[in-house]
C-alpha atoms as a PDB file:
ATOM      1  CA  MET A   1      81.952  85.856  80.233  1.00  0.00           C
ATOM      2  CA  ALA A   2      82.940  89.545  80.593  1.00  0.00           C
ATOM      3  CA  THR A   3      86.622  90.328  80.226  1.00  0.00           C
ATOM      4  CA  GLU A   4      88.418  92.194  82.995  1.00  0.00           C
ATOM      5  CA  PRO A   5      88.967  95.889  82.023  1.00  0.00           C
ATOM      6  CA  THR A   6      92.503  97.039  81.362  1.00  0.00           C
ATOM      7  CA  ALA A   7      94.322  99.597  83.485  1.00  0.00           C
ATOM      8  CA  ASP A   8      93.990 102.239  80.728  1.00  0.00           C
ATOM      9  CA  GLU A   9      90.219 101.666  80.526  1.00  0.00           C
ATOM     10  CA  LEU A  10      89.857 101.950  84.311  1.00  0.00           C
ATOM     11  CA  ARG A  11      91.952 105.138  84.357  1.00  0.00           C
ATOM     12  CA  ALA A  12      89.775 106.734  81.624  1.00  0.00           C
ATOM     13  CA  ILE A  13      86.525 105.828  83.438  1.00  0.00           C
ATOM     14  CA  ALA A  14      87.889 107.114  86.759  1.00  0.00           C
ATOM     15  CA  GLU A  15      88.953 110.451  85.244  1.00  0.00           C
ATOM     16  CA  HIS A  16      85.531 110.795  83.609  1.00  0.00           C
ATOM     17  CA  ARG A  17      83.984 110.530  87.093  1.00  0.00           C
ATOM     18  CA  GLY A  18      86.406 112.965  88.712  1.00  0.00           C
ATOM     19  CA  MET A  19      88.585 110.300  90.343  1.00  0.00           C
ATOM     20  CA  LYS A  20      92.189 109.129  89.995  1.00  0.00           C
ATOM     21  CA  LEU A  21      93.378 105.559  89.461  1.00  0.00           C
ATOM     22  CA  VAL A  22      96.459 104.496  91.444  1.00  0.00           C
ATOM     23  CA  ARG A  23      98.392 101.486  90.151  1.00  0.00           C
ATOM     24  CA  SER A  24     100.971  99.397  91.995  1.00  0.00           C
ATOM     25  CA  ARG A  25     104.575 100.155  91.147  1.00  0.00           C
ATOM     26  CA  LYS A  26     105.628  96.566  91.793  1.00  0.00           C
ATOM     27  CA  ARG A  27     106.731  94.834  88.606  1.00  0.00           C
ATOM     28  CA  THR A  28     107.544  91.402  90.041  1.00  0.00           C
ATOM     29  CA  PRO A  29     104.625  88.947  90.456  1.00  0.00           C
ATOM     30  CA  GLY A  30     104.078  87.894  94.054  1.00  0.00           C
ATOM     31  CA  VAL A  31     106.025  90.819  95.526  1.00  0.00           C
ATOM     32  CA  GLY A  32     104.132  93.331  97.682  1.00  0.00           C
ATOM     33  CA  ASP A  33     100.942  94.692  96.084  1.00  0.00           C
ATOM     34  CA  TYR A  34     101.855  93.624  92.535  1.00  0.00           C
ATOM     35  CA  GLY A  35      98.843  93.916  90.172  1.00  0.00           C
ATOM     36  CA  LYS A  36      96.722  95.855  92.710  1.00  0.00           C
ATOM     37  CA  PHE A  37      94.914  99.179  92.250  1.00  0.00           C
ATOM     38  CA  ALA A  38      93.276 101.943  94.277  1.00  0.00           C
ATOM     39  CA  LEU A  39      91.043 104.981  93.760  1.00  0.00           C
ATOM     40  CA  THR A  40      91.347 108.503  95.137  1.00  0.00           C
ATOM     41  CA  ASP A  41      89.303 111.643  94.644  1.00  0.00           C
ATOM     42  CA  ALA A  42      90.604 114.677  92.724  1.00  0.00           C
ATOM     43  CA  ALA A  43      92.311 115.992  95.911  1.00  0.00           C
ATOM     44  CA  GLY A  44      94.155 112.696  96.501  1.00  0.00           C
ATOM     45  CA  ASN A  45      91.970 111.458  99.380  1.00  0.00           C
ATOM     46  CA  PRO A  46      91.668 107.624  99.387  1.00  0.00           C
ATOM     47  CA  LEU A  47      88.360 106.143  98.249  1.00  0.00           C
ATOM     48  CA  LEU A  48      89.052 102.450  97.680  1.00  0.00           C
ATOM     49  CA  GLY A  49      91.910  99.968  97.824  1.00  0.00           C
ATOM     50  CA  ILE A  50      94.501 101.729 100.018  1.00  0.00           C
ATOM     51  CA  GLY A  51      95.526  99.670 103.051  1.00  0.00           C
ATOM     52  CA  LYS A  52      98.332  99.473 105.569  1.00  0.00           C
ATOM     53  CA  GLN A  53     100.478  97.212 103.376  1.00  0.00           C
ATOM     54  CA  GLY A  54      99.853  99.125 100.120  1.00  0.00           C
ATOM     55  CA  LEU A  55      97.221  98.756  97.395  1.00  0.00           C
ATOM     56  CA  THR A  56      94.561  96.062  97.895  1.00  0.00           C
ATOM     57  CA  ALA A  57      91.870  96.392  95.176  1.00  0.00           C
ATOM     58  CA  THR A  58      91.758  94.281  92.020  1.00  0.00           C
ATOM     59  CA  ALA A  59      90.720  95.542  88.588  1.00  0.00           C
ATOM     60  CA  ALA A  60      87.297  93.904  89.131  1.00  0.00           C
ATOM     61  CA  ASP A  61      86.876  95.769  92.464  1.00  0.00           C
ATOM     62  CA  ILE A  62      87.665  99.096  90.751  1.00  0.00           C
ATOM     63  CA  ALA A  63      85.250  98.346  87.897  1.00  0.00           C
ATOM     64  CA  GLN A  64      82.462  97.426  90.348  1.00  0.00           C
ATOM     65  CA  TYR A  65      83.066 100.652  92.313  1.00  0.00           C
ATOM     66  CA  LEU A  66      82.908 102.758  89.139  1.00  0.00           C
ATOM     67  CA  ARG A  67      79.707 100.974  88.018  1.00  0.00           C
ATOM     68  CA  GLY A  68      78.182 101.820  91.377  1.00  0.00           C
ATOM     69  CA  GLY A  69      79.049 105.487  90.765  1.00  0.00           C
ATOM     70  CA  ALA A  70      77.282 105.289  87.386  1.00  0.00           C
ATOM     71  CA  ALA A  71      74.070 104.003  89.075  1.00  0.00           C
ATOM     72  CA  ASP A  72      74.158 106.923  91.532  1.00  0.00           C
ATOM     73  CA  SER A  73      74.514 109.406  88.653  1.00  0.00           C
ATOM     74  CA  TRP A  74      71.494 107.834  86.871  1.00  0.00           C
ATOM     75  CA  LYS A  75      69.349 108.077  90.010  1.00  0.00           C
ATOM     76  CA  LEU A  76      70.307 111.733  90.566  1.00  0.00           C
ATOM     77  CA  SER A  77      69.316 112.677  87.005  1.00  0.00           C
ATOM     78  CA  ALA A  78      66.026 110.756  87.352  1.00  0.00           C
ATOM     79  CA  GLU A  79      65.154 112.674  90.540  1.00  0.00           C
ATOM     80  CA  ARG A  80      65.827 116.016  88.841  1.00  0.00           C
ATOM     81  CA  GLU A  81      63.580 115.163  85.819  1.00  0.00           C
ATOM     82  CA  PRO A  82      60.029 116.521  86.495  1.00  0.00           C
ATOM     83  CA  ALA A  83      57.264 113.927  86.429  1.00  0.00           C
ATOM     84  CA  ALA A  84      54.914 114.013  83.451  1.00  0.00           C
ATOM     85  CA  LYS A  85      51.665 115.888  84.113  1.00  0.00           C
ATOM     86  CA  PRO A  86      48.491 113.817  83.782  1.00  0.00           C
ATOM     87  CA  ALA A  87      46.387 114.558  80.722  1.00  0.00           C
ATOM     88  CA  LYS A  88      43.417 116.882  81.277  1.00  0.00           C
ATOM     89  CA  LYS A  89      40.034 115.212  81.100  1.00  0.00           C
ATOM     90  CA  ALA A  90      37.704 116.380  78.349  1.00  0.00           C
ATOM     91  CA  PRO A  91      34.736 118.380  79.688  1.00  0.00           C
ATOM     92  CA  LYS A  92      31.526 116.442  79.822  1.00  0.00           C
ATOM     93  CA  THR A  93      28.960 117.535  77.225  1.00  0.00           C
ATOM     94  CA  ALA A  94      25.430 118.147  78.428  1.00  0.00           C
ATOM     95  CA  GLU A  95      23.039 115.428  77.375  1.00  0.00           C
ATOM     96  CA  PRO A  96      20.104 116.647  75.255  1.00  0.00           C
ATOM     97  CA  ILE A  97      16.816 116.992  77.155  1.00  0.00           C
ATOM     98  CA  GLU A  98      13.967 115.230  75.499  1.00  0.00           C
ATOM     99  CA  GLU A  99      11.066 117.592  75.035  1.00  0.00           C
ATOM    100  CA  GLN A 100       7.798 116.299  76.413  1.00  0.00           C
ATOM    101  CA  SER A 101       4.660 116.832  74.469  1.00  0.00           C
ATOM    102  CA  PRO A 102       2.002 118.805  76.349  1.00  0.00           C
ATOM    103  CA  ILE A 103      -0.604 116.341  75.059  1.00  0.00           C
ATOM    104  CA  ARG A 104      -0.663 113.204  77.127  1.00  0.00           C
ATOM    105  CA  ARG A 105      -1.360 110.068  75.227  1.00  0.00           C
ATOM    106  CA  ARG A 106      -3.518 107.456  76.657  1.00  0.00           C
ATOM    107  CA  GLY A 107      -2.054 104.176  77.629  1.00  0.00           C
ATOM    108  CA  LYS A 108       0.793 103.100  79.708  1.00  0.00           C
ATOM    109  CA  ALA A 109       3.590 105.520  80.198  1.00  0.00           C
ATOM    110  CA  ARG A 110       6.918 104.618  78.836  1.00  0.00           C
ATOM    111  CA  PRO A 111       9.341 103.655  81.510  1.00  0.00           C
ATOM    112  CA  SER A 112      12.371 105.968  81.644  1.00  0.00           C
ATOM    113  CA  PRO A 113      15.611 104.340  80.616  1.00  0.00           C
ATOM    114  CA  PRO A 114      17.808 103.203  83.476  1.00  0.00           C
ATOM    115  CA  PRO A 115      20.587 105.638  84.363  1.00  0.00           C
ATOM    116  CA  GLU A 116      23.970 104.837  82.951  1.00  0.00           C
ATOM    117  CA  PRO A 117      26.350 103.381  85.503  1.00  0.00           C
ATOM    118  CA  ALA A 118      28.953 105.869  86.689  1.00  0.00           C
ATOM    119  CA  ARG A 119      32.265 105.313  85.066  1.00  0.00           C
ATOM    120  CA  ARG A 120      34.852 104.136  87.465  1.00  0.00           C
ATOM    121  CA  ARG A 121      37.705 106.575  87.872  1.00  0.00           C
ATOM    122  CA  GLN A 122      40.970 105.068  86.817  1.00  0.00           C
ATOM    123  CA  ASP A 123      43.843 105.576  89.246  1.00  0.00           C
ATOM    124  CA  PRO A 124      47.095 106.832  87.719  1.00  0.00           C
ATOM    125  CA  PRO A 125      49.794 104.196  87.319  1.00  0.00           C
ATOM    126  CA  PRO A 126      52.131 103.913  90.307  1.00  0.00           C
ATOM    127  CA  PRO A 127      55.474 105.698  89.915  1.00  0.00           C
ATOM    128  CA  PRO A 128      58.444 103.483  89.015  1.00  0.00           C
ATOM    129  CA  LYS A 129      60.330 102.136  91.964  1.00  0.00           C
ATOM    130  CA  ALA A 130      63.599 103.910  92.574  1.00  0.00           C
ATOM    131  CA  LYS A 131      66.688 101.752  92.259  1.00  0.00           C
ATOM    132  CA  PRO A 132      68.483 101.104  95.549  1.00  0.00           C
ATOM    133  CA  VAL A 133      71.373 103.474  96.165  1.00  0.00           C
ATOM    134  CA  LEU A 134      74.719 101.730  96.518  1.00  0.00           C
ATOM    135  CA  ARG A 135      76.482 103.201  99.509  1.00  0.00           C
ATOM    136  CA  ILE A 136      80.250 102.934  99.390  1.00  0.00           C
ATOM    137  CA  VAL A 137      81.991 102.868 102.743  1.00  0.00           C
ATOM    138  CA  LYS A 138      85.491 104.308 102.575  1.00  0.00           C
ATOM    139  CA  PRO A 139      88.117 101.908 103.914  1.00  0.00           C
ATOM    140  CA  GLU A 140      89.634 103.000 107.163  1.00  0.00           C
ATOM    141  CA  VAL A 141      93.253 104.026 106.652  1.00  0.00           C
ATOM    142  CA  LEU A 142      95.183 103.258 109.803  1.00  0.00           C
ATOM    143  CA  PRO A 143      98.065 105.575 110.669  1.00  0.00           C
ATOM    144  CA  GLU A 144     101.481 104.040 110.131  1.00  0.00           C
ATOM    145  CA  PRO A 145     103.676 103.447 113.199  1.00  0.00           C
ATOM    146  CA  GLU A 146     106.272 106.134 113.880  1.00  0.00           C
ATOM    147  CA  LEU A 147     109.704 105.380 112.428  1.00  0.00           C
ATOM    148  CA  SER A 148     112.638 105.174 114.862  1.00  0.00           C
ATOM    149  CA  LEU A 149     116.350 104.551 114.213  1.00  0.00           C
ATOM    150  CA  ARG A 150     118.466 102.698 116.767  1.00  0.00           C
ATOM    151  CA  PRO A 151     121.660 100.633 116.977  1.00  0.00           C
ATOM    152  CA  ALA A 152     121.217  96.938 116.192  1.00  0.00           C
ATOM    153  CA  THR A 153     121.451  94.326 118.958  1.00  0.00           C
ATOM    154  CA  GLY A 154     121.618  90.544 119.127  1.00  0.00           C
ATOM    155  CA  LYS A 155     117.817  90.478 119.505  1.00  0.00           C
ATOM    156  CA  ASP A 156     117.510  91.708 115.921  1.00  0.00           C
ATOM    157  CA  ARG A 157     119.313  88.714 114.374  1.00  0.00           C
ATOM    158  CA  LYS A 158     116.152  86.943 113.129  1.00  0.00           C
ATOM    159  CA  ALA A 159     114.675  90.099 111.633  1.00  0.00           C
ATOM    160  CA  LEU A 160     118.022  90.976 110.033  1.00  0.00           C
ATOM    161  CA  GLY A 161     118.243  87.458 108.576  1.00  0.00           C
ATOM    162  CA  ARG A 162     114.832  87.888 106.918  1.00  0.00           C
ATOM    163  CA  LEU A 163     115.892  91.292 105.611  1.00  0.00           C
ATOM    164  CA  LEU A 164     119.188  90.010 104.171  1.00  0.00           C
ATOM    165  CA  ALA A 165     117.261  87.302 102.304  1.00  0.00           C
ATOM    166  CA  GLN A 166     115.887  90.082 100.061  1.00  0.00           C
ATOM    167  CA  LEU A 167     119.333  90.846  98.629  1.00  0.00           C
ATOM    168  CA  ALA A 168     119.927  90.034  94.960  1.00  0.00           C
ATOM    169  CA  GLU A 169     122.514  87.469  96.123  1.00  0.00           C
ATOM    170  CA  PRO A 170     121.618  86.503  99.728  1.00  0.00           C
ATOM    171  CA  PRO A 171     124.588  85.367 101.846  1.00  0.00           C
ATOM    172  CA  LYS A 172     124.716  81.583 102.308  1.00  0.00           C
ATOM    173  CA  ARG A 173     126.526  81.183 105.605  1.00  0.00           C
ATOM    174  CA  ILE A 174     126.938  84.079 108.005  1.00  0.00           C
ATOM    175  CA  SER A 175     127.005  84.504 111.763  1.00  0.00           C
ATOM    176  CA  ILE A 176     124.878  87.588 112.397  1.00  0.00           C
ATOM    177  CA  ASP A 177     125.691  87.638 116.131  1.00  0.00           C
ATOM    178  CA  ALA A 178     129.455  87.495 115.461  1.00  0.00           C
ATOM    179  CA  ASN A 179     129.214  90.173 112.780  1.00  0.00           C
ATOM    180  CA  ILE A 180     127.266  92.506 115.077  1.00  0.00           C
ATOM    181  CA  ASP A 181     129.914  92.018 117.789  1.00  0.00           C
ATOM    182  CA  ALA A 182     132.706  92.712 115.288  1.00  0.00           C
ATOM    183  CA  ILE A 183     131.034  95.930 114.158  1.00  0.00           C
ATOM    184  CA  GLY A 184     130.756  97.052 117.775  1.00  0.00           C
ATOM    185  CA  LYS A 185     134.471  96.497 118.360  1.00  0.00           C
ATOM    186  CA  ALA A 186     135.638  98.200 115.141  1.00  0.00           C
ATOM    187  CA  THR A 187     135.243 101.816 114.059  1.00  0.00           C
ATOM    188  CA  ALA A 188     131.933 100.979 112.460  1.00  0.00           C
ATOM    189  CA  GLY A 189     128.213 101.045 113.112  1.00  0.00           C
ATOM    190  CA  LEU A 190     124.932  99.307 112.325  1.00  0.00           C
ATOM    191  CA  LEU A 191     121.577 101.088 112.518  1.00  0.00           C
ATOM    192  CA  VAL A 192     118.139  99.518 112.114  1.00  0.00           C
ATOM    193  CA  ALA A 193     114.863 101.233 111.204  1.00  0.00           C
ATOM    194  CA  ASP A 194     111.920 100.192 113.386  1.00  0.00           C
ATOM    195  CA  ALA A 195     108.292 100.934 112.466  1.00  0.00           C
ATOM    196  CA  GLY A 196     106.363  98.385 114.499  1.00  0.00           C
ATOM    197  CA  GLY A 197     108.954  95.901 113.277  1.00  0.00           C
ATOM    198  CA  LEU A 198     112.380  95.979 111.653  1.00  0.00           C
ATOM    199  CA  VAL A 199     111.983  97.471 108.139  1.00  0.00           C
ATOM    200  CA  GLY A 200     115.546  98.485 107.198  1.00  0.00           C
ATOM    201  CA  CYS A 201     119.213  98.577 108.171  1.00  0.00           C
ATOM    202  CA  CYS A 202     122.373 100.496 107.361  1.00  0.00           C
ATOM    203  CA  ALA A 203     125.961  99.414 108.136  1.00  0.00           C
ATOM    204  CA  TRP A 204     129.093 101.538 107.773  1.00  0.00           C
ATOM    205  CA  ALA A 205     132.776 101.514 108.615  1.00  0.00           C
ATOM    206  CA  VAL A 206     135.721 103.931 108.769  1.00  0.00           C
ATOM    207  CA  VAL A 207     138.429 102.836 106.304  1.00  0.00           C
ATOM    208  CA  PRO A 208     141.909 104.418 106.634  1.00  0.00           C
ATOM    209  CA  THR A 209     143.490 104.904 103.205  1.00  0.00           C
ATOM    210  CA  LEU A 210     146.836 106.222 102.052  1.00  0.00           C
ATOM    211  CA  GLN A 211     145.547 108.485  99.315  1.00  0.00           C
ATOM    212  CA  HIS A 212     142.337 109.812 100.920  1.00  0.00           C
ATOM    213  CA  GLY A 213     142.854 109.468 104.669  1.00  0.00           C
ATOM    214  CA  PHE A 214     139.755 108.294 106.551  1.00  0.00           C
ATOM    215  CA  VAL A 215     136.980 107.253 104.152  1.00  0.00           C
ATOM    216  CA  GLY A 216     133.479 106.546 105.407  1.00  0.00           C
ATOM    217  CA  ARG A 217     132.136 103.488 103.629  1.00  0.00           C
ATOM    218  CA  ILE A 218     128.461 102.516 103.658  1.00  0.00           C
ATOM    219  CA  THR A 219     128.739  98.740 103.414  1.00  0.00           C
ATOM    220  CA  LEU A 220     125.007  97.989 103.368  1.00  0.00           C
ATOM    221  CA  LEU A 221     121.794  99.989 102.930  1.00  0.00           C
ATOM    222  CA  LEU A 222     118.709  97.782 102.737  1.00  0.00           C
ATOM    223  CA  VAL A 223     114.973  98.536 103.152  1.00  0.00           C
ATOM    224  CA  ASP A 224     112.190  95.958 103.229  1.00  0.00           C
ATOM    225  CA  GLY A 225     110.430  95.639  99.849  1.00  0.00           C
ATOM    226  CA  ASP A 226     107.006  96.535 101.266  1.00  0.00           C
ATOM    227  CA  HIS A 227     108.299  99.740 102.918  1.00  0.00           C
ATOM    228  CA  ARG A 228     110.355 101.350 100.171  1.00  0.00           C
ATOM    229  CA  ARG A 229     109.816 104.847  98.751  1.00  0.00           C
ATOM    230  CA  ARG A 230     108.785 106.198 102.146  1.00  0.00           C
ATOM    231  CA  GLY A 231     112.013 107.989 103.076  1.00  0.00           C
ATOM    232  CA  ILE A 232     113.392 105.163 105.253  1.00  0.00           C
ATOM    233  CA  GLY A 233     116.552 104.662 103.184  1.00  0.00           C
ATOM    234  CA  THR A 234     117.247 108.406 103.133  1.00  0.00           C
ATOM    235  CA  ALA A 235     116.823 108.634 106.917  1.00  0.00           C
ATOM    236  CA  LEU A 236     119.245 105.728 107.500  1.00  0.00           C
ATOM    237  CA  LEU A 237     121.822 107.159 105.093  1.00  0.00           C
ATOM    238  CA  THR A 238     121.640 110.619 106.699  1.00  0.00           C
ATOM    239  CA  ALA A 239     122.254 109.145 110.162  1.00  0.00           C
ATOM    240  CA  ALA A 240     125.225 107.126 108.887  1.00  0.00           C
ATOM    241  CA  GLU A 241     126.781 110.177 107.193  1.00  0.00           C
ATOM    242  CA  THR A 242     126.479 112.166 110.421  1.00  0.00           C
ATOM    243  CA  ALA A 243     128.285 109.427 112.391  1.00  0.00           C
ATOM    244  CA  LEU A 244     131.044 109.103 109.766  1.00  0.00           C
ATOM    245  CA  ALA A 245     131.617 112.870 109.648  1.00  0.00           C
ATOM    246  CA  LYS A 246     132.075 112.895 113.453  1.00  0.00           C
ATOM    247  CA  ALA A 247     134.647 110.077 113.046  1.00  0.00           C
ATOM    248  CA  GLY A 248     136.760 112.356 110.817  1.00  0.00           C
ATOM    249  CA  CYS A 249     135.778 111.034 107.377  1.00  0.00           C
ATOM    250  CA  GLY A 250     136.084 113.622 104.611  1.00  0.00           C
ATOM    251  CA  THR A 251     134.672 111.347 101.899  1.00  0.00           C
ATOM    252  CA  ILE A 252     131.620 109.092 101.950  1.00  0.00           C
ATOM    253  CA  GLU A 253     131.343 106.139  99.600  1.00  0.00           C
ATOM    254  CA  ILE A 254     128.627 103.533  99.314  1.00  0.00           C
ATOM    255  CA  MET A 255     128.688  99.985  97.990  1.00  0.00           C
ATOM    256  CA  SER A 256     125.790  98.972  95.715  1.00  0.00           C
ATOM    257  CA  ASP A 257     125.184  95.577  94.135  1.00  0.00           C
ATOM    258  CA  ILE A 258     124.809  95.739  90.360  1.00  0.00           C
ATOM    259  CA  MET A 259     121.725  93.477  90.428  1.00  0.00           C
ATOM    260  CA  ILE A 260     119.671  95.631  92.827  1.00  0.00           C
ATOM    261  CA  ASN A 261     116.936  97.425  90.885  1.00  0.00           C
ATOM    262  CA  ASN A 262     116.723 101.237  91.088  1.00  0.00           C
ATOM    263  CA  ALA A 263     119.518 101.456  93.713  1.00  0.00           C
ATOM    264  CA  HIS A 264     121.802 103.409  91.413  1.00  0.00           C
ATOM    265  CA  ASN A 265     119.101 105.952  90.523  1.00  0.00           C
ATOM    266  CA  PHE A 266     118.398 106.381  94.246  1.00  0.00           C
ATOM    267  CA  LEU A 267     122.071 107.167  94.923  1.00  0.00           C
ATOM    268  CA  ARG A 268     122.370 109.537  91.978  1.00  0.00           C
ATOM    269  CA  ALA A 269     119.326 111.447  93.268  1.00  0.00           C
ATOM    270  CA  LEU A 270     121.254 111.947  96.542  1.00  0.00           C
ATOM    271  CA  LYS A 271     124.234 113.456  94.610  1.00  0.00           C
ATOM    272  CA  PHE A 272     126.458 110.339  94.734  1.00  0.00           C
ATOM    273  CA  GLU A 273     128.733 109.886  91.702  1.00  0.00           C
ATOM    274  CA  GLN A 274     130.288 106.702  90.358  1.00  0.00           C
ATOM    275  CA  LYS A 275     134.047 107.126  90.792  1.00  0.00           C
ATOM    276  CA  SER A 276     135.493 103.602  90.523  1.00  0.00           C
ATOM    277  CA  TYR A 277     134.825  99.943  89.804  1.00  0.00           C
ATOM    278  CA  ARG A 278     134.747  97.285  92.505  1.00  0.00           C
ATOM    279  CA  PHE A 279     136.107  93.775  91.847  1.00  0.00           C
ATOM    280  CA  GLU A 280     135.924  90.834  94.223  1.00  0.00           C
ATOM    281  CA  ARG A 281     136.650  87.108  94.521  1.00  0.00           C
ATOM    282  CA  PRO A 282     136.690  84.587  97.373  1.00  0.00           C
ATOM    283  CA  ALA A 283     139.748  84.708  99.617  1.00  0.00           C
ATOM    284  CA  GLY A 284     142.361  82.138  98.638  1.00  0.00           C
ATOM    285  CA  ALA A 285     140.966  81.684  95.146  1.00  0.00           C
ATOM    286  CA  SER A 286     144.098  82.976  93.382  1.00  0.00           C
ATOM    287  CA  PRO A 287     144.542  81.686  89.831  1.00  0.00           C
ATOM    288  CA  LYS A 288     147.128  79.036  89.096  1.00  0.00           C
ATOM    289  CA  PRO A 289     150.320  80.298  87.448  1.00  0.00           C
ATOM    290  CA  ARG A 290     150.466  79.748  83.723  1.00  0.00           C
ATOM    291  CA  ARG A 291     152.995  77.356  82.270  1.00  0.00           C
ATOM    292  CA  GLY A 292     154.991  79.100  79.582  1.00  0.00           C
END
């Protein structure tokens, strides 16, 4: 049973044929297009395995596609190779003419030998049948829905609940409707990103402080796992910063869970710096005084 080629082997074969191998960036099994691949041409145009939800081709699909390309290359070289010329027939030699004696002998004349049967002309062997050409149909890449940002409403509670479940530590008991109402009454805001469905959210609040005055705090920035690295988080954060600047905030800070992967690198790329530590505990969970 043939073993499935590795990603390095597929990448080398693809580059040899003028293509590029694209590999999923997901590193968690079962999340998004984990373990999937795709192929593009040298200019980056999709050839195989790029769908609406990400990469869709397996390693076996990529290998089969590349083997099909090898068959096409063999056929093209066979068509360019000139066919072998048939061998020239040797010229027929004239048969010797038997001289007849001028003196006729008495008796019965010798019967002339029967003529030799004409040799049947052999037809040249038929040319080899050309192998069928494997035609690869490029998958149709549907355009993604246009992204729009809007304030959250009570109708978004189910979609927000599904989105919050992707947090490293999902909240156990919350009232999304009550929280949305509270944000609307306070100096705060909640935006959602809609692209044919809710794919992200950003919540912020204005915090008055003694030492810094009004501080704009981003309390939550969350993008659906299947829609990350498409600029959605940056668009939400930019809109929140604009609203906080209009509210008189001179400083913007953002809260990031330690367990969220790549969140800190994302914030550092947007020129955020780590300035303090954040500690928390449940309300009313003060430690008991020590007996000394």
